[in-house]
N, C-alpha and C. Protein backbone atom coordinates (compact mmCIF):
# COMPACT_ATOMS: atom_id res chain seq x y z
N MET A 1 -48.24 -142.08 22.19
CA MET A 1 -49.87 -142.41 22.12
C MET A 1 -50.58 -143.71 21.78
N THR A 2 -49.88 -144.30 21.70
CA THR A 2 -50.26 -146.00 21.11
C THR A 2 -50.13 -146.32 22.68
N GLY A 3 -49.43 -146.13 23.46
CA GLY A 3 -49.89 -146.70 24.55
C GLY A 3 -50.63 -146.23 25.95
N ASP A 4 -51.26 -144.72 25.34
CA ASP A 4 -52.12 -144.26 26.10
C ASP A 4 -53.47 -144.55 25.58
N ASN A 5 -53.50 -145.40 24.27
CA ASN A 5 -55.06 -145.67 24.14
C ASN A 5 -54.80 -147.02 24.47
N TYR A 6 -53.57 -148.13 24.37
CA TYR A 6 -53.91 -149.40 25.04
C TYR A 6 -53.97 -149.24 26.74
N SER A 7 -53.67 -148.19 27.22
CA SER A 7 -53.94 -147.97 28.76
C SER A 7 -55.35 -147.84 29.05
N CYS A 8 -55.90 -147.02 28.30
CA CYS A 8 -57.18 -146.84 27.99
C CYS A 8 -58.72 -147.44 27.70
N ALA A 9 -57.87 -148.52 26.66
CA ALA A 9 -58.54 -149.66 26.16
C ALA A 9 -58.61 -150.85 27.60
N GLN A 10 -57.70 -150.99 27.93
CA GLN A 10 -57.38 -151.55 29.17
C GLN A 10 -58.23 -151.45 30.73
N ALA A 11 -58.43 -149.93 30.70
CA ALA A 11 -59.26 -149.63 31.52
C ALA A 11 -61.13 -149.79 31.05
N VAL A 12 -61.17 -149.19 30.14
CA VAL A 12 -62.69 -150.06 29.67
C VAL A 12 -63.13 -150.84 29.69
N SER A 13 -62.10 -151.65 29.42
CA SER A 13 -62.36 -153.13 29.50
C SER A 13 -62.38 -153.81 30.76
N TYR A 14 -61.59 -153.31 31.93
CA TYR A 14 -61.71 -153.77 33.20
C TYR A 14 -62.64 -153.13 33.75
N MET A 15 -63.38 -151.81 33.83
CA MET A 15 -64.74 -151.34 33.99
C MET A 15 -65.88 -152.12 33.42
N GLN A 16 -65.83 -152.64 32.19
CA GLN A 16 -66.82 -153.31 32.04
C GLN A 16 -66.85 -154.95 32.42
N ARG A 17 -65.67 -155.59 32.69
CA ARG A 17 -66.15 -156.58 33.72
C ARG A 17 -66.54 -156.33 34.91
N LEU A 18 -65.96 -155.37 35.34
CA LEU A 18 -66.54 -154.81 36.93
C LEU A 18 -67.98 -154.83 36.77
N ASN A 19 -68.22 -153.86 35.95
CA ASN A 19 -69.72 -154.00 35.62
C ASN A 19 -70.57 -154.88 35.50
N ALA A 20 -70.27 -155.84 34.90
CA ALA A 20 -70.69 -157.43 34.52
C ALA A 20 -70.93 -158.17 35.86
N LEU A 21 -69.52 -157.81 36.60
CA LEU A 21 -69.89 -158.82 37.80
C LEU A 21 -70.86 -158.05 38.52
N PHE A 22 -70.96 -156.71 38.83
CA PHE A 22 -71.70 -156.46 40.00
C PHE A 22 -73.26 -156.17 39.26
N ARG A 23 -73.19 -156.21 37.95
CA ARG A 23 -74.87 -156.01 37.38
C ARG A 23 -75.78 -157.00 38.26
N PRO A 24 -75.64 -158.33 38.32
CA PRO A 24 -76.71 -159.13 39.29
C PRO A 24 -77.28 -158.78 40.37
N VAL A 25 -75.83 -158.23 41.42
CA VAL A 25 -76.77 -157.71 42.81
C VAL A 25 -77.13 -156.21 42.72
N GLU A 26 -76.86 -155.58 42.07
CA GLU A 26 -77.66 -154.56 41.61
C GLU A 26 -79.22 -154.62 41.24
N ARG A 27 -79.23 -155.30 40.33
CA ARG A 27 -80.58 -156.09 39.95
C ARG A 27 -81.35 -156.52 40.99
N TYR A 28 -80.77 -157.23 41.94
CA TYR A 28 -81.08 -157.66 43.27
C TYR A 28 -81.44 -156.50 44.48
N ALA A 29 -80.32 -155.48 44.22
CA ALA A 29 -81.01 -154.57 45.15
C ALA A 29 -82.12 -153.61 44.85
N ASP A 30 -82.32 -153.75 43.25
CA ASP A 30 -83.08 -152.49 43.02
C ASP A 30 -84.66 -153.39 42.33
N ALA A 31 -84.76 -154.81 42.58
CA ALA A 31 -85.75 -155.65 42.45
C ALA A 31 -86.84 -154.88 43.23
N VAL A 32 -86.60 -154.73 44.27
CA VAL A 32 -87.98 -154.43 45.43
C VAL A 32 -87.28 -153.01 46.22
N SER A 33 -88.33 -152.77 47.09
CA SER A 33 -88.06 -151.44 48.02
C SER A 33 -87.17 -151.69 49.18
N PRO A 34 -86.44 -150.81 49.69
CA PRO A 34 -85.72 -150.92 51.27
C PRO A 34 -86.63 -151.45 52.12
N LYS A 35 -87.89 -151.15 52.30
CA LYS A 35 -88.75 -151.53 53.03
C LYS A 35 -88.91 -153.22 52.96
N ILE A 36 -89.26 -153.82 51.68
CA ILE A 36 -88.96 -155.08 51.90
C ILE A 36 -88.12 -155.63 51.88
N HIS A 37 -87.26 -154.91 51.47
CA HIS A 37 -85.89 -156.02 52.04
C HIS A 37 -85.60 -155.88 53.42
N GLY A 38 -85.59 -154.65 54.14
CA GLY A 38 -85.86 -155.05 55.78
C GLY A 38 -86.78 -156.16 56.01
N ILE A 39 -88.05 -155.81 55.34
CA ILE A 39 -88.82 -157.04 56.01
C ILE A 39 -88.43 -158.70 55.86
N VAL A 40 -87.76 -158.80 54.18
CA VAL A 40 -86.84 -160.22 54.13
C VAL A 40 -85.75 -160.24 55.34
N ALA A 41 -85.06 -159.36 55.42
CA ALA A 41 -83.75 -159.40 56.66
C ALA A 41 -84.57 -159.96 57.92
N VAL A 42 -85.64 -159.32 58.36
CA VAL A 42 -85.94 -159.55 59.89
C VAL A 42 -86.49 -161.12 59.62
N VAL A 43 -87.09 -161.61 58.61
CA VAL A 43 -87.88 -162.92 58.34
C VAL A 43 -86.24 -163.77 58.44
N SER A 44 -85.87 -163.21 57.71
CA SER A 44 -84.15 -164.18 57.50
C SER A 44 -83.71 -164.25 58.73
N PHE A 45 -83.51 -163.35 59.62
CA PHE A 45 -82.70 -163.03 60.78
C PHE A 45 -83.47 -163.64 61.51
N ALA A 46 -84.98 -164.43 61.52
CA ALA A 46 -85.37 -164.73 62.61
C ALA A 46 -85.58 -166.47 62.33
N THR A 47 -85.03 -166.56 61.31
CA THR A 47 -85.52 -167.97 60.76
C THR A 47 -83.24 -168.63 60.86
N PHE A 48 -82.59 -167.22 60.98
CA PHE A 48 -81.47 -167.70 60.96
C PHE A 48 -81.06 -168.05 62.38
N VAL A 49 -81.47 -167.28 63.37
CA VAL A 49 -81.25 -167.45 64.76
C VAL A 49 -82.33 -168.88 65.23
N GLY A 50 -83.44 -168.83 64.69
CA GLY A 50 -84.32 -170.01 65.07
C GLY A 50 -83.62 -171.71 64.36
N VAL A 51 -83.58 -171.54 63.54
CA VAL A 51 -82.19 -173.01 63.10
C VAL A 51 -81.52 -173.08 64.26
N ILE A 52 -80.69 -171.82 64.29
CA ILE A 52 -79.40 -172.23 65.38
C ILE A 52 -79.91 -172.63 66.59
N ALA A 53 -80.91 -172.12 67.31
CA ALA A 53 -81.22 -172.27 68.68
C ALA A 53 -81.97 -173.95 68.94
N LEU A 54 -83.13 -173.62 67.81
CA LEU A 54 -84.23 -175.05 67.70
C LEU A 54 -83.74 -176.03 66.99
N GLY A 55 -82.76 -175.91 65.84
CA GLY A 55 -82.32 -177.02 65.17
C GLY A 55 -80.70 -177.71 65.49
N PHE A 56 -79.96 -176.73 65.40
CA PHE A 56 -78.49 -177.04 65.38
C PHE A 56 -78.24 -177.53 66.84
N VAL A 57 -78.38 -176.82 67.75
CA VAL A 57 -78.17 -177.25 69.27
C VAL A 57 -78.91 -178.33 69.61
N PRO A 58 -79.87 -178.69 69.76
CA PRO A 58 -80.28 -179.98 70.22
C PRO A 58 -80.02 -181.06 69.32
N VAL A 59 -80.16 -180.87 68.26
CA VAL A 59 -79.60 -182.13 66.67
C VAL A 59 -78.08 -182.22 67.26
N THR A 60 -77.38 -181.12 67.23
CA THR A 60 -76.28 -181.54 67.86
C THR A 60 -75.81 -182.20 68.80
N ARG A 61 -76.45 -182.00 70.03
CA ARG A 61 -76.13 -182.70 71.25
C ARG A 61 -76.28 -184.12 71.33
N GLN A 62 -77.47 -184.52 69.93
CA GLN A 62 -78.20 -185.65 70.10
C GLN A 62 -76.75 -186.51 69.20
N ILE A 63 -75.98 -186.08 68.30
CA ILE A 63 -75.01 -186.50 67.59
C ILE A 63 -74.09 -186.73 68.58
N GLU A 64 -73.45 -186.10 69.34
CA GLU A 64 -72.48 -186.02 70.05
C GLU A 64 -72.47 -187.05 71.13
N THR A 65 -73.57 -187.59 71.37
CA THR A 65 -73.78 -189.04 72.42
C THR A 65 -72.90 -190.04 71.49
N SER A 66 -72.55 -189.72 70.30
CA SER A 66 -71.35 -190.84 69.35
C SER A 66 -70.45 -190.73 69.98
N GLY A 67 -70.06 -189.63 70.62
CA GLY A 67 -68.51 -189.39 70.82
C GLY A 67 -67.77 -187.65 70.07
N TYR A 68 -68.82 -188.23 68.67
CA TYR A 68 -68.49 -187.43 67.51
C TYR A 68 -69.16 -186.54 67.14
N SER A 69 -68.73 -185.27 66.54
CA SER A 69 -69.59 -184.35 65.95
C SER A 69 -69.43 -184.17 64.32
N THR A 70 -70.14 -183.78 63.73
CA THR A 70 -70.19 -183.57 62.16
C THR A 70 -68.93 -182.67 61.87
N SER A 71 -68.75 -181.86 62.66
CA SER A 71 -67.46 -181.04 62.42
C SER A 71 -65.94 -181.99 62.51
N ASP A 72 -66.06 -182.90 63.49
CA ASP A 72 -64.48 -184.01 63.34
C ASP A 72 -64.67 -184.39 62.33
N LEU A 73 -65.76 -184.68 61.74
CA LEU A 73 -65.63 -185.81 60.45
C LEU A 73 -65.22 -184.66 58.86
N GLN A 74 -65.42 -183.34 59.36
CA GLN A 74 -65.13 -182.26 58.38
C GLN A 74 -63.56 -182.11 58.08
N ASP A 75 -63.29 -182.03 60.08
CA ASP A 75 -61.82 -182.04 59.86
C ASP A 75 -60.41 -183.00 59.68
N GLU A 76 -61.21 -183.87 59.39
CA GLU A 76 -60.27 -185.03 59.19
C GLU A 76 -60.21 -185.36 57.20
N THR A 77 -58.71 -185.62 57.17
CA THR A 77 -58.15 -185.79 56.03
C THR A 77 -57.64 -186.98 55.24
N THR A 78 -58.14 -188.20 55.97
CA THR A 78 -57.85 -189.40 55.57
C THR A 78 -58.95 -190.44 55.60
N ARG A 79 -59.01 -191.26 54.70
CA ARG A 79 -60.18 -192.19 54.76
C ARG A 79 -60.34 -193.21 56.07
N PRO A 80 -59.38 -193.61 56.56
CA PRO A 80 -59.40 -194.21 57.51
C PRO A 80 -60.06 -193.19 58.94
N GLU A 81 -59.73 -192.47 58.71
CA GLU A 81 -60.00 -191.43 59.89
C GLU A 81 -61.93 -191.27 59.69
N VAL A 82 -61.97 -190.75 58.56
CA VAL A 82 -63.37 -190.68 58.49
C VAL A 82 -64.24 -191.70 58.55
N ASP A 83 -63.67 -192.97 58.17
CA ASP A 83 -64.38 -194.06 58.29
C ASP A 83 -64.21 -194.84 59.68
N THR A 84 -63.56 -194.05 60.40
CA THR A 84 -63.76 -194.45 62.04
C THR A 84 -65.51 -193.56 62.63
N ILE A 85 -65.08 -192.39 62.17
CA ILE A 85 -66.18 -191.32 62.58
C ILE A 85 -67.26 -191.89 62.06
N LEU A 86 -67.59 -192.19 60.63
CA LEU A 86 -69.00 -192.90 59.91
C LEU A 86 -69.41 -194.19 60.92
N GLN A 87 -68.63 -194.89 61.18
CA GLN A 87 -68.83 -196.38 62.18
C GLN A 87 -69.63 -195.80 63.45
N ALA A 88 -68.72 -194.45 64.28
CA ALA A 88 -69.46 -193.96 65.37
C ALA A 88 -70.99 -193.24 65.10
N LEU A 89 -71.00 -192.39 64.29
CA LEU A 89 -71.85 -192.14 64.07
C LEU A 89 -73.09 -192.73 63.49
N GLU A 90 -73.20 -194.17 62.79
CA GLU A 90 -74.26 -194.70 62.31
C GLU A 90 -75.34 -194.95 63.63
N PRO A 91 -75.29 -195.34 64.78
CA PRO A 91 -76.27 -195.41 65.56
C PRO A 91 -77.44 -193.46 65.44
N VAL A 92 -76.67 -192.64 65.15
CA VAL A 92 -77.50 -190.84 65.25
C VAL A 92 -77.32 -190.87 63.70
N MET A 93 -77.23 -191.55 62.78
CA MET A 93 -77.40 -190.90 61.72
C MET A 93 -78.55 -190.09 61.10
N ASP A 94 -79.57 -190.96 61.76
CA ASP A 94 -81.07 -189.73 61.13
C ASP A 94 -80.56 -188.45 62.03
N SER A 95 -80.43 -188.31 62.79
CA SER A 95 -79.97 -186.81 63.29
C SER A 95 -79.10 -186.03 62.48
N VAL A 96 -77.97 -186.78 62.02
CA VAL A 96 -76.90 -186.41 61.14
C VAL A 96 -77.49 -185.80 59.91
N MET A 97 -78.21 -186.76 59.39
CA MET A 97 -78.61 -186.28 58.10
C MET A 97 -80.14 -185.01 58.07
N LEU A 98 -80.63 -185.01 59.63
CA LEU A 98 -81.35 -183.72 59.82
C LEU A 98 -80.55 -182.37 59.82
N LEU A 99 -79.52 -182.47 60.63
CA LEU A 99 -78.43 -181.29 60.62
C LEU A 99 -78.23 -181.02 59.33
N SER A 100 -78.19 -181.74 58.31
CA SER A 100 -77.60 -181.09 56.91
C SER A 100 -78.47 -180.69 56.23
N ILE A 101 -80.03 -181.30 56.72
CA ILE A 101 -81.04 -180.61 55.96
C ILE A 101 -81.40 -178.95 56.52
N LEU A 102 -80.98 -179.20 57.79
CA LEU A 102 -80.83 -177.50 58.41
C LEU A 102 -80.22 -176.53 58.20
N ASP A 103 -79.09 -177.51 57.94
CA ASP A 103 -77.46 -176.78 57.44
C ASP A 103 -78.03 -175.64 56.37
N TYR A 104 -78.59 -176.64 55.19
CA TYR A 104 -79.35 -175.80 53.75
C TYR A 104 -80.40 -174.71 54.50
N ILE A 105 -81.48 -174.74 55.30
CA ILE A 105 -81.96 -173.67 55.93
C ILE A 105 -81.39 -172.67 56.17
N PHE A 106 -80.46 -172.91 56.81
CA PHE A 106 -79.25 -172.05 57.64
C PHE A 106 -78.50 -171.20 56.50
N ILE A 107 -77.93 -172.31 55.59
CA ILE A 107 -77.39 -171.26 54.44
C ILE A 107 -78.25 -170.22 53.52
N LEU A 108 -79.73 -170.56 53.30
CA LEU A 108 -80.58 -169.76 52.62
C LEU A 108 -81.01 -168.70 53.38
N ALA A 109 -80.87 -169.04 54.88
CA ALA A 109 -81.42 -167.69 55.30
C ALA A 109 -80.44 -166.53 55.46
N GLY A 110 -79.10 -167.52 55.80
CA GLY A 110 -78.02 -166.51 55.82
C GLY A 110 -77.85 -165.89 54.43
N PHE A 111 -78.39 -166.32 53.67
CA PHE A 111 -77.90 -165.81 51.96
C PHE A 111 -79.12 -164.31 52.24
N PHE A 112 -80.29 -164.57 52.41
CA PHE A 112 -81.39 -163.63 52.25
C PHE A 112 -81.01 -162.95 52.83
N LEU A 113 -80.30 -162.74 54.61
CA LEU A 113 -80.18 -161.78 55.43
C LEU A 113 -79.48 -161.14 54.85
N PHE A 114 -78.19 -161.60 54.68
CA PHE A 114 -76.91 -160.78 54.21
C PHE A 114 -77.35 -159.78 52.84
N PHE A 115 -78.05 -160.39 52.15
CA PHE A 115 -78.19 -159.77 50.71
C PHE A 115 -78.99 -158.73 50.73
N SER A 116 -80.06 -158.47 51.57
CA SER A 116 -80.86 -157.56 51.94
C SER A 116 -80.58 -156.53 52.47
N LEU A 117 -79.38 -156.75 53.82
CA LEU A 117 -79.22 -155.78 54.47
C LEU A 117 -78.00 -155.17 53.63
N HIS A 118 -77.17 -155.60 52.50
CA HIS A 118 -76.46 -155.10 51.89
C HIS A 118 -77.32 -154.23 51.02
N SER A 119 -78.25 -154.86 50.67
CA SER A 119 -79.03 -154.29 49.29
C SER A 119 -79.68 -152.75 49.89
N ILE A 120 -80.08 -152.83 51.33
CA ILE A 120 -80.33 -151.75 51.92
C ILE A 120 -79.18 -150.69 52.07
N ALA A 121 -77.92 -151.18 52.05
CA ALA A 121 -76.95 -150.47 52.25
C ALA A 121 -76.07 -149.75 50.79
N LEU A 122 -76.64 -150.31 50.09
CA LEU A 122 -76.21 -150.12 48.62
C LEU A 122 -77.28 -149.30 48.04
N ASN A 123 -78.60 -149.29 48.48
CA ASN A 123 -79.30 -148.19 48.06
C ASN A 123 -78.64 -146.77 49.06
N THR A 124 -78.62 -146.67 50.15
CA THR A 124 -78.24 -145.70 50.99
C THR A 124 -76.89 -145.17 50.46
N LEU A 125 -75.98 -146.10 49.81
CA LEU A 125 -74.67 -145.83 49.29
C LEU A 125 -74.66 -145.52 47.59
N GLU A 126 -75.92 -145.20 47.39
CA GLU A 126 -75.89 -145.18 45.83
C GLU A 126 -75.29 -143.94 45.47
N ASN A 127 -75.37 -142.92 45.92
CA ASN A 127 -74.70 -141.54 45.29
C ASN A 127 -73.37 -141.57 45.67
N HIS A 128 -72.52 -142.50 46.57
CA HIS A 128 -70.95 -142.38 46.78
C HIS A 128 -70.48 -143.42 45.95
N ALA A 129 -69.82 -142.95 44.97
CA ALA A 129 -69.31 -144.17 43.83
C ALA A 129 -68.61 -144.93 44.43
N ARG A 130 -67.54 -144.87 45.44
CA ARG A 130 -66.54 -145.58 46.03
C ARG A 130 -67.26 -146.47 47.23
N LEU A 131 -67.61 -145.82 47.90
CA LEU A 131 -68.26 -146.57 49.07
C LEU A 131 -69.50 -147.45 48.83
N VAL A 132 -69.97 -147.30 47.81
CA VAL A 132 -71.08 -148.00 47.33
C VAL A 132 -70.66 -149.65 46.72
N LEU A 133 -68.99 -150.03 46.67
CA LEU A 133 -68.53 -150.87 46.21
C LEU A 133 -68.35 -151.86 47.28
N ILE A 134 -68.71 -151.39 48.43
CA ILE A 134 -68.22 -152.12 50.00
C ILE A 134 -69.77 -153.10 49.91
N PRO A 135 -71.04 -152.91 49.54
CA PRO A 135 -72.13 -153.81 49.80
C PRO A 135 -72.17 -154.40 48.62
N LYS A 136 -71.47 -154.04 47.16
CA LYS A 136 -71.29 -154.96 46.21
C LYS A 136 -70.38 -155.98 46.37
N ILE A 137 -69.57 -155.77 46.72
CA ILE A 137 -68.56 -156.94 47.20
C ILE A 137 -68.61 -157.69 48.25
N GLY A 138 -69.23 -157.12 49.01
CA GLY A 138 -69.93 -158.06 50.27
C GLY A 138 -71.12 -158.90 49.91
N MET A 139 -71.94 -158.76 48.34
CA MET A 139 -72.64 -159.41 48.13
C MET A 139 -72.39 -161.05 47.63
N ILE A 140 -70.89 -160.42 46.43
CA ILE A 140 -70.48 -161.40 45.94
C ILE A 140 -69.82 -162.25 46.67
N LEU A 141 -69.06 -161.92 48.05
CA LEU A 141 -68.49 -162.60 49.09
C LEU A 141 -69.90 -163.31 49.78
N THR A 142 -70.41 -163.12 49.76
CA THR A 142 -71.85 -164.07 50.34
C THR A 142 -72.29 -164.84 49.47
N PHE A 143 -72.09 -164.63 48.50
CA PHE A 143 -73.15 -165.63 47.21
C PHE A 143 -71.83 -166.49 47.08
N SER A 144 -70.70 -165.96 47.26
CA SER A 144 -69.52 -167.30 47.20
C SER A 144 -69.34 -168.23 48.16
N SER A 145 -69.29 -167.59 49.42
CA SER A 145 -69.01 -168.43 50.71
C SER A 145 -70.79 -169.15 50.62
N ARG A 146 -71.36 -168.83 50.67
CA ARG A 146 -72.90 -170.01 50.58
C ARG A 146 -72.91 -170.61 49.46
N LEU A 147 -72.52 -170.23 48.51
CA LEU A 147 -72.18 -171.41 47.31
C LEU A 147 -71.25 -172.56 48.01
N LEU A 148 -69.74 -172.08 48.36
CA LEU A 148 -69.22 -173.04 48.79
C LEU A 148 -69.64 -173.90 50.33
N ASP A 149 -70.25 -173.65 50.91
CA ASP A 149 -70.92 -173.75 52.01
C ASP A 149 -71.71 -175.19 51.58
N SER A 150 -72.49 -174.71 50.47
CA SER A 150 -73.59 -175.86 50.18
C SER A 150 -72.81 -177.09 49.50
N LEU A 151 -71.92 -176.55 48.52
CA LEU A 151 -71.27 -177.87 48.33
C LEU A 151 -70.71 -178.44 49.15
N GLU A 152 -69.79 -177.89 50.45
CA GLU A 152 -69.47 -178.75 51.78
C GLU A 152 -70.24 -179.67 51.81
N ASN A 153 -71.35 -179.21 52.20
CA ASN A 153 -72.67 -180.04 52.56
C ASN A 153 -73.14 -181.11 51.67
N LEU A 154 -73.09 -180.87 50.65
CA LEU A 154 -73.24 -182.09 49.41
C LEU A 154 -72.19 -182.86 49.58
N TRP A 155 -70.86 -182.98 49.46
CA TRP A 155 -70.01 -183.64 49.80
C TRP A 155 -69.98 -184.77 51.02
N VAL A 156 -70.26 -183.96 52.38
CA VAL A 156 -70.78 -184.94 53.35
C VAL A 156 -71.77 -185.75 53.23
N ILE A 157 -72.54 -185.24 52.48
CA ILE A 157 -74.08 -186.24 52.36
C ILE A 157 -73.56 -187.03 51.48
N LEU A 158 -73.09 -186.95 50.49
CA LEU A 158 -72.73 -188.07 49.81
C LEU A 158 -71.72 -188.90 50.36
N ILE A 159 -71.17 -188.72 51.12
CA ILE A 159 -70.28 -189.66 52.14
C ILE A 159 -71.34 -190.37 53.04
N TYR A 160 -71.98 -189.41 53.99
CA TYR A 160 -73.21 -189.97 54.84
C TYR A 160 -74.03 -191.09 54.39
N THR A 161 -74.11 -191.10 53.10
CA THR A 161 -75.27 -191.90 52.15
C THR A 161 -75.04 -193.04 51.66
N ASN A 162 -73.18 -193.13 51.60
CA ASN A 162 -72.75 -194.34 50.96
C ASN A 162 -71.37 -194.55 51.73
N PRO A 163 -71.64 -194.69 53.38
CA PRO A 163 -70.41 -194.93 53.75
C PRO A 163 -69.28 -196.03 53.79
N GLU A 164 -69.82 -197.09 52.73
CA GLU A 164 -68.68 -198.13 52.40
C GLU A 164 -68.05 -197.78 51.02
N GLU A 165 -68.78 -197.54 49.93
CA GLU A 165 -68.10 -196.94 48.59
C GLU A 165 -68.14 -195.72 48.14
N TYR A 166 -68.21 -194.51 49.27
CA TYR A 166 -68.19 -193.14 48.62
C TYR A 166 -66.68 -193.16 48.41
N ALA A 167 -66.43 -192.13 46.95
CA ALA A 167 -65.15 -191.75 46.36
C ALA A 167 -64.61 -191.05 47.28
N THR A 168 -63.10 -191.67 47.32
CA THR A 168 -61.97 -191.09 48.30
C THR A 168 -62.21 -189.33 48.00
N ILE A 169 -61.95 -189.10 47.07
CA ILE A 169 -62.00 -187.82 46.62
C ILE A 169 -62.96 -186.70 47.31
N LEU A 170 -64.12 -186.87 47.79
CA LEU A 170 -65.09 -186.05 48.51
C LEU A 170 -64.37 -185.85 49.97
N ILE A 171 -63.50 -186.48 50.48
CA ILE A 171 -62.90 -186.22 51.37
C ILE A 171 -62.08 -184.95 50.78
N SER A 172 -61.22 -185.39 49.85
CA SER A 172 -60.70 -183.57 49.63
C SER A 172 -61.48 -182.57 49.45
N LEU A 173 -62.65 -182.70 48.60
CA LEU A 173 -63.47 -181.74 47.92
C LEU A 173 -63.80 -181.06 49.16
N MET A 174 -64.43 -181.99 50.16
CA MET A 174 -65.26 -181.53 51.33
C MET A 174 -64.15 -180.37 52.23
N ASN A 175 -63.25 -180.52 52.46
CA ASN A 175 -61.80 -180.24 53.21
C ASN A 175 -61.57 -178.52 52.25
N THR A 176 -61.20 -179.04 51.05
CA THR A 176 -60.89 -177.66 50.23
C THR A 176 -62.21 -176.76 50.21
N SER A 177 -63.15 -177.21 50.24
CA SER A 177 -65.22 -176.37 50.51
C SER A 177 -64.73 -175.88 51.47
N GLU A 178 -64.16 -176.55 53.00
CA GLU A 178 -64.66 -176.07 54.09
C GLU A 178 -63.43 -174.68 54.57
N THR A 179 -61.76 -174.79 53.62
CA THR A 179 -61.09 -174.08 53.67
C THR A 179 -61.58 -172.77 53.22
N MET A 180 -62.02 -173.04 51.91
CA MET A 180 -62.06 -171.51 51.32
C MET A 180 -63.50 -170.76 51.53
N LYS A 181 -64.39 -171.75 52.03
CA LYS A 181 -65.41 -171.38 52.74
C LYS A 181 -65.26 -170.06 53.98
N TRP A 182 -64.35 -170.82 54.78
CA TRP A 182 -63.95 -169.88 55.97
C TRP A 182 -62.98 -168.74 55.63
N THR A 183 -62.47 -168.73 54.66
CA THR A 183 -61.51 -167.86 54.38
C THR A 183 -62.17 -166.77 53.98
N LEU A 184 -63.23 -167.06 53.33
CA LEU A 184 -63.88 -165.70 52.74
C LEU A 184 -65.22 -165.17 53.82
N VAL A 185 -65.91 -166.33 54.28
CA VAL A 185 -66.21 -165.69 55.67
C VAL A 185 -65.57 -164.81 56.50
N ARG A 186 -64.35 -164.70 56.53
CA ARG A 186 -63.63 -163.91 57.50
C ARG A 186 -63.54 -162.63 56.84
N ILE A 187 -64.04 -162.67 55.73
CA ILE A 187 -63.74 -161.58 55.10
C ILE A 187 -65.14 -161.02 54.59
N GLU A 188 -66.32 -161.72 54.91
CA GLU A 188 -67.53 -161.50 54.40
C GLU A 188 -68.39 -160.61 55.60
N TYR A 189 -68.28 -161.22 57.13
CA TYR A 189 -68.62 -160.67 58.19
C TYR A 189 -68.24 -159.30 58.25
N PRO A 190 -67.11 -158.70 58.37
CA PRO A 190 -66.56 -157.46 58.30
C PRO A 190 -66.92 -156.65 57.32
N THR A 191 -67.15 -157.21 56.23
CA THR A 191 -67.64 -156.31 55.26
C THR A 191 -69.04 -155.89 55.24
N LEU A 192 -69.90 -156.91 56.07
CA LEU A 192 -71.38 -156.66 56.08
C LEU A 192 -71.13 -155.29 57.47
N GLY A 193 -70.15 -155.73 58.29
CA GLY A 193 -70.52 -154.86 59.30
C GLY A 193 -69.92 -153.26 58.97
N LEU A 194 -69.01 -152.89 57.88
CA LEU A 194 -68.59 -152.06 57.60
C LEU A 194 -69.51 -151.42 56.24
N ALA A 195 -70.26 -152.04 55.79
CA ALA A 195 -71.60 -151.31 54.69
C ALA A 195 -72.46 -151.18 55.55
N ILE A 196 -72.65 -151.89 56.88
CA ILE A 196 -73.94 -150.86 57.74
C ILE A 196 -73.25 -149.54 58.40
N VAL A 197 -71.96 -149.82 59.06
CA VAL A 197 -71.75 -148.65 59.71
C VAL A 197 -71.60 -147.52 58.57
N LEU A 198 -71.06 -147.52 57.36
CA LEU A 198 -71.24 -146.52 56.55
C LEU A 198 -72.72 -146.20 55.88
N ALA A 199 -73.66 -146.99 56.17
CA ALA A 199 -75.20 -146.44 55.31
C ALA A 199 -75.93 -145.84 56.49
N LEU A 200 -75.43 -146.30 58.15
CA LEU A 200 -75.66 -145.55 58.98
C LEU A 200 -75.25 -143.75 59.17
N LEU A 201 -73.89 -144.23 58.90
CA LEU A 201 -73.29 -142.77 58.85
C LEU A 201 -73.57 -141.80 57.67
N ILE A 202 -73.89 -142.18 56.62
CA ILE A 202 -74.77 -141.42 55.78
C ILE A 202 -76.13 -141.26 55.75
N ARG A 203 -76.92 -142.06 56.25
CA ARG A 203 -78.48 -141.69 56.63
C ARG A 203 -78.58 -140.81 57.94
N PHE A 204 -77.94 -140.89 58.69
CA PHE A 204 -78.28 -140.41 59.84
C PHE A 204 -77.14 -139.04 60.76
N THR A 205 -76.20 -139.14 59.67
CA THR A 205 -75.15 -137.94 60.02
C THR A 205 -74.64 -137.19 58.72
N SER A 206 -74.00 -136.03 59.06
CA SER A 206 -73.36 -135.18 57.51
C SER A 206 -72.12 -135.58 57.69
N PHE A 207 -71.45 -136.58 57.98
CA PHE A 207 -70.27 -137.05 57.82
C PHE A 207 -69.29 -137.16 56.81
N PHE A 208 -70.05 -137.66 55.60
CA PHE A 208 -69.89 -137.62 54.33
C PHE A 208 -70.37 -136.66 53.30
N ASP A 209 -70.92 -135.56 53.79
CA ASP A 209 -71.51 -134.36 52.88
C ASP A 209 -70.43 -133.79 52.35
N GLY A 210 -71.08 -133.36 50.99
CA GLY A 210 -69.73 -132.60 50.15
C GLY A 210 -68.93 -133.64 49.33
N TYR A 211 -68.90 -135.24 50.11
CA TYR A 211 -67.98 -135.96 49.18
C TYR A 211 -68.28 -136.74 48.51
N SER A 212 -69.42 -136.88 48.00
CA SER A 212 -70.12 -137.69 47.25
C SER A 212 -69.47 -138.18 45.62
N GLU A 213 -68.72 -137.20 44.99
CA GLU A 213 -68.41 -137.39 44.05
C GLU A 213 -66.90 -138.34 44.20
N ARG A 214 -65.90 -138.06 45.28
CA ARG A 214 -64.71 -138.53 45.69
C ARG A 214 -64.90 -139.80 46.20
N LEU A 215 -66.14 -140.44 46.70
CA LEU A 215 -66.50 -141.12 47.65
C LEU A 215 -67.49 -141.98 46.86
């Protein structure tokens, strides 16, 4: 009996931690109506695409006239390699800094786009206890990946702005943030796709009718 009580206590503790983790994203989803989330998603998507087409593409082309790109720098792991690229990028450093600013706009646009789409899916799936976990998990993944992307961008800026005396540890921080970010992104995008597909199935079909309690 003691063992059963302990197992129950563990289960309750686990659920409490899970609820605490998801509470912020639930509040975000409930803060405004699905219609408003839809408007935010459209504006965010337009910004997302606009930054790529009108910002990243021309600015990256300008940077690549140096023979390197910012991605080349982020892939390097040693100070001599990073210093070589920094020297090559010096004539186009204004474009490099502009790209960092655009990257933050891109991060914010992606954050609101994904959070809004997940919020719409969450509202659609709210009567399906298990399926609704997918957009909630997706929002946590989005927050984490965008945070890592922001940190990666910060480490890069700190290197760019002090090319002679930057702390070598910034290279490791940059590499680690990038690796962790892409690991999450590889899960984040399929999770969003799955949440949207499930929401569409429930909204426009009877595929899950009668399974609300089990799903």
